[in-house]
Amino acid sequence: MNFAAWSHFLWLRAVDKAAQWEIRIMGQQVLEMLHAIVPTLYAEHWRIYQTQFLDRPNR
């Protein structure tokens, strides 16, 4: 997928609490990999991921 398609996927599957937990965990792993490559492009996804999921003990 291109970066725009990944961005759309991440909004729906990695940082949306309504996403099914299994796909959300996979989406968050993808986000971690993409953020390592192009952090500025996925900075907003990363911010939401950190505040909603990493600051709490349970995903």
Protein backbone atom coordinates (compact mmCIF):
# COMPACT_ATOMS: atom_id res chain seq x y z
CA MET A 1 0.00 0.00 0.00
CA ASN A 2 1.07 3.59 -0.39
CA PHE A 3 1.46 5.99 2.56
CA ALA A 4 -2.05 7.43 2.13
CA ALA A 5 -3.64 3.98 2.18
CA TRP A 6 -1.63 3.05 5.29
CA SER A 7 -2.77 6.27 6.93
CA HIS A 8 -6.40 5.41 6.29
CA PHE A 9 -5.86 1.87 7.58
CA LEU A 10 -4.20 3.17 10.73
CA TRP A 11 -7.03 5.61 11.49
CA LEU A 12 -9.56 2.79 11.24
CA ARG A 13 -7.62 -0.09 12.76
CA ALA A 14 -4.73 1.12 14.93
CA VAL A 15 -6.03 4.13 16.84
CA ASP A 16 -9.80 3.61 16.80
CA LYS A 17 -11.05 1.99 20.00
CA ALA A 18 -13.98 0.58 18.04
CA ALA A 19 -11.65 -1.66 16.03
CA GLN A 20 -11.64 -5.33 16.94
CA TRP A 21 -8.80 -5.89 19.41
CA GLU A 22 -6.93 -8.43 17.26
CA ILE A 23 -6.79 -6.16 14.20
CA ARG A 24 -6.05 -3.15 16.42
CA ILE A 25 -2.95 -4.85 17.85
CA MET A 26 -1.78 -5.75 14.34
CA GLY A 27 -2.49 -2.19 13.18
CA GLN A 28 -0.50 -0.81 16.10
CA GLN A 29 2.44 -3.00 15.17
CA VAL A 30 2.25 -1.63 11.62
CA LEU A 31 2.10 1.90 13.06
CA GLU A 32 5.24 1.26 15.10
CA MET A 33 7.10 0.12 11.97
CA LEU A 34 5.87 2.96 9.76
CA HIS A 35 6.52 5.58 12.44
CA ALA A 36 10.12 4.34 12.69
CA ILE A 37 10.54 4.93 8.94
CA VAL A 38 8.65 8.23 8.46
CA PRO A 39 7.83 9.69 11.88
CA THR A 40 6.60 13.05 10.63
CA LEU A 41 4.06 11.46 8.32
CA TYR A 42 2.47 9.39 11.08
CA ALA A 43 3.02 11.81 13.99
CA GLU A 44 -0.69 12.35 14.67
CA HIS A 45 -1.44 8.62 14.60
CA TRP A 46 1.51 8.10 16.96
CA ARG A 47 0.31 10.81 19.36
CA ILE A 48 -3.12 9.23 19.63
CA TYR A 49 -1.63 5.76 19.96
CA GLN A 50 0.59 6.92 22.82
CA THR A 51 -2.11 8.80 24.70
CA GLN A 52 -4.90 6.26 24.29
CA PHE A 53 -3.05 2.96 24.45
CA LEU A 54 0.49 3.26 25.82
CA ASP A 55 -0.35 5.42 28.84
CA ARG A 56 -2.74 2.75 30.09
CA PRO A 57 -1.76 -0.70 31.34
CA ASN A 58 -4.30 -2.58 29.17
CA ARG A 59 -4.73 -2.22 25.45
